[in-house]
Amino acid sequence: MSEEPQDTVVHLGSKDRFALMRAIFEKFLSEESVVRVVFGDHPLLDVPKGVRPEAGEATLETTTFEYGLNLPVPINDLEITEAGIGATLSFSRVFHHTFVPWEAVVHILRPPREIVPPVSPKSRNRPKLSLVP
């Protein structure tokens, strides 16, 4: 009788998990013009009072920052460290130095991409598909 394969679960310690998050963020930033970071509340979070999330709140609409190297309002001091992401960001043209610790990061997202299916006589009128991040 053969044994069924078992799923392997890998548990990362906080330090390893944050190093992985940093590596993903840096990789996305090297490949994309914008990287979105969704974050929740944390004692070390430094953001303007009006954008600070409530405890337990972390949604794409309310607690997302966009980082990039070619944004309309440039980020001249982007700093990616073992502790988190620091940058001076613009909030309605009011600048604030922010810090988002890795412990607060919920998601790191690439911008949505549009996938265009190959054109063939049968598929000319097919709707475009888009990739959901």
Protein backbone atom coordinates (compact mmCIF):
# COMPACT_ATOMS: atom_id res chain seq x y z
CA MET A 1 0.00 0.00 0.00
CA SER A 2 1.47 3.38 -0.99
CA GLU A 3 1.38 6.37 1.25
CA GLU A 4 -0.37 9.52 0.08
CA PRO A 5 1.87 12.54 -0.26
CA GLN A 6 1.49 15.07 2.52
CA ASP A 7 1.52 18.82 2.09
CA THR A 8 4.64 20.46 3.37
CA VAL A 9 4.08 23.53 5.50
CA VAL A 10 6.95 25.92 5.94
CA HIS A 11 6.81 28.24 8.91
CA LEU A 12 8.96 31.31 8.65
CA GLY A 13 10.11 33.28 11.64
CA SER A 14 9.33 37.00 11.66
CA LYS A 15 12.84 37.95 10.56
CA ASP A 16 12.70 35.56 7.57
CA ARG A 17 9.18 36.67 6.65
CA PHE A 18 10.15 40.35 6.70
CA ALA A 19 13.29 39.64 4.66
CA LEU A 20 11.10 37.85 2.10
CA MET A 21 8.65 40.78 2.00
CA ARG A 22 11.54 43.19 1.46
CA ALA A 23 12.93 41.04 -1.36
CA ILE A 24 9.51 40.89 -3.06
CA PHE A 25 9.02 44.66 -2.72
CA GLU A 26 12.49 45.37 -4.16
CA LYS A 27 11.95 42.91 -7.03
CA PHE A 28 8.56 44.43 -7.93
CA LEU A 29 10.05 47.93 -7.71
CA SER A 30 12.84 46.95 -10.11
CA GLU A 31 10.28 45.65 -12.63
CA GLU A 32 7.35 48.08 -12.26
CA SER A 33 6.87 51.83 -12.24
CA VAL A 34 4.51 51.60 -9.23
CA VAL A 35 4.25 49.14 -6.35
CA ARG A 36 1.28 49.28 -3.99
CA VAL A 37 1.63 48.43 -0.31
CA VAL A 38 -1.46 47.74 1.78
CA PHE A 39 -0.89 48.15 5.50
CA GLY A 40 -2.69 47.95 8.81
CA ASP A 41 -2.20 49.75 12.10
CA HIS A 42 1.04 49.27 14.04
CA PRO A 43 2.71 51.23 16.86
CA LEU A 44 5.73 52.08 14.64
CA LEU A 45 3.57 53.19 11.69
CA ASP A 46 4.28 56.85 10.86
CA VAL A 47 1.62 58.27 8.54
CA PRO A 48 -0.55 61.40 8.61
CA LYS A 49 -3.39 61.19 11.12
CA GLY A 50 -6.04 61.24 8.36
CA VAL A 51 -4.64 58.13 6.68
CA ARG A 52 -3.81 56.07 9.74
CA PRO A 53 -5.94 52.91 9.65
CA GLU A 54 -8.21 51.91 12.48
CA ALA A 55 -7.21 48.77 14.37
CA GLY A 56 -8.05 45.77 12.20
CA GLU A 57 -8.63 47.91 9.08
CA ALA A 58 -6.49 47.19 6.03
CA THR A 59 -8.25 47.62 2.72
CA LEU A 60 -7.15 48.53 -0.78
CA GLU A 61 -9.30 51.66 -0.67
CA THR A 62 -8.14 53.11 2.62
CA THR A 63 -4.66 52.00 3.55
CA THR A 64 -2.62 51.71 0.38
CA PHE A 65 0.50 53.67 -0.49
CA GLU A 66 2.06 53.72 -3.93
CA TYR A 67 5.83 53.70 -4.22
CA GLY A 68 7.79 54.12 -7.41
CA LEU A 69 10.75 55.78 -9.01
CA ASN A 70 8.91 57.69 -11.76
CA LEU A 71 5.76 58.97 -10.06
CA PRO A 72 4.17 62.36 -10.90
CA VAL A 73 5.29 63.56 -7.45
CA PRO A 74 8.78 62.07 -7.14
CA ILE A 75 9.90 60.19 -4.06
CA ASN A 76 13.45 61.42 -3.54
CA ASP A 77 14.16 59.67 -0.25
CA LEU A 78 12.75 56.14 -0.65
CA GLU A 79 14.50 53.95 1.89
CA ILE A 80 13.94 50.21 2.11
CA THR A 81 15.42 48.71 5.27
CA GLU A 82 15.18 45.58 7.38
CA ALA A 83 12.61 47.41 9.51
CA GLY A 84 10.32 48.74 6.76
CA ILE A 85 9.76 51.36 4.06
CA GLY A 86 10.48 55.03 4.64
CA ALA A 87 9.62 57.80 2.19
CA THR A 88 8.33 61.34 1.98
CA LEU A 89 4.94 61.10 0.28
CA SER A 90 2.49 63.73 -0.88
CA PHE A 91 -1.01 63.88 0.59
CA SER A 92 -2.96 66.49 -1.41
CA ARG A 93 0.37 68.23 -2.07
CA VAL A 94 1.24 68.26 1.65
CA PHE A 95 4.46 66.32 2.21
CA HIS A 96 4.88 63.94 5.13
CA HIS A 97 7.75 61.58 5.87
CA THR A 98 6.18 58.15 6.30
CA PHE A 99 7.38 54.88 7.69
CA VAL A 100 5.57 51.56 7.17
CA PRO A 101 7.13 48.71 9.17
CA TRP A 102 7.11 45.26 7.60
CA GLU A 103 5.01 44.11 10.56
CA ALA A 104 2.18 46.38 9.31
CA VAL A 105 2.31 45.27 5.67
CA VAL A 106 -0.66 43.14 4.63
CA HIS A 107 -0.14 42.98 0.83
CA ILE A 108 2.44 44.02 -1.74
CA LEU A 109 0.81 44.45 -5.15
CA ARG A 110 1.92 45.05 -8.68
CA PRO A 111 -0.30 47.33 -10.73
CA PRO A 112 -3.03 45.54 -12.68
CA ARG A 113 -2.02 44.39 -16.11
CA GLU A 114 -4.20 43.97 -19.11
CA ILE A 115 -3.92 40.68 -20.98
CA VAL A 116 -4.84 40.88 -24.61
CA PRO A 117 -5.81 37.51 -26.09
CA PRO A 118 -4.31 36.60 -29.46
CA VAL A 119 -6.33 37.88 -32.38
CA SER A 120 -7.74 35.28 -34.68
CA PRO A 121 -10.71 35.44 -37.04
CA LYS A 122 -12.86 33.70 -34.44
CA SER A 123 -11.74 35.87 -31.52
CA ARG A 124 -11.78 39.41 -32.95
CA ASN A 125 -14.80 40.48 -30.94
CA ARG A 126 -13.85 38.78 -27.71
CA PRO A 127 -13.62 41.07 -24.69
CA LYS A 128 -10.21 41.85 -23.28
CA LEU A 129 -9.23 39.94 -20.18
CA SER A 130 -7.54 41.58 -17.23
CA LEU A 131 -5.45 40.08 -14.50
CA VAL A 132 -6.79 40.70 -11.01
CA PRO A 133 -3.95 41.49 -8.59
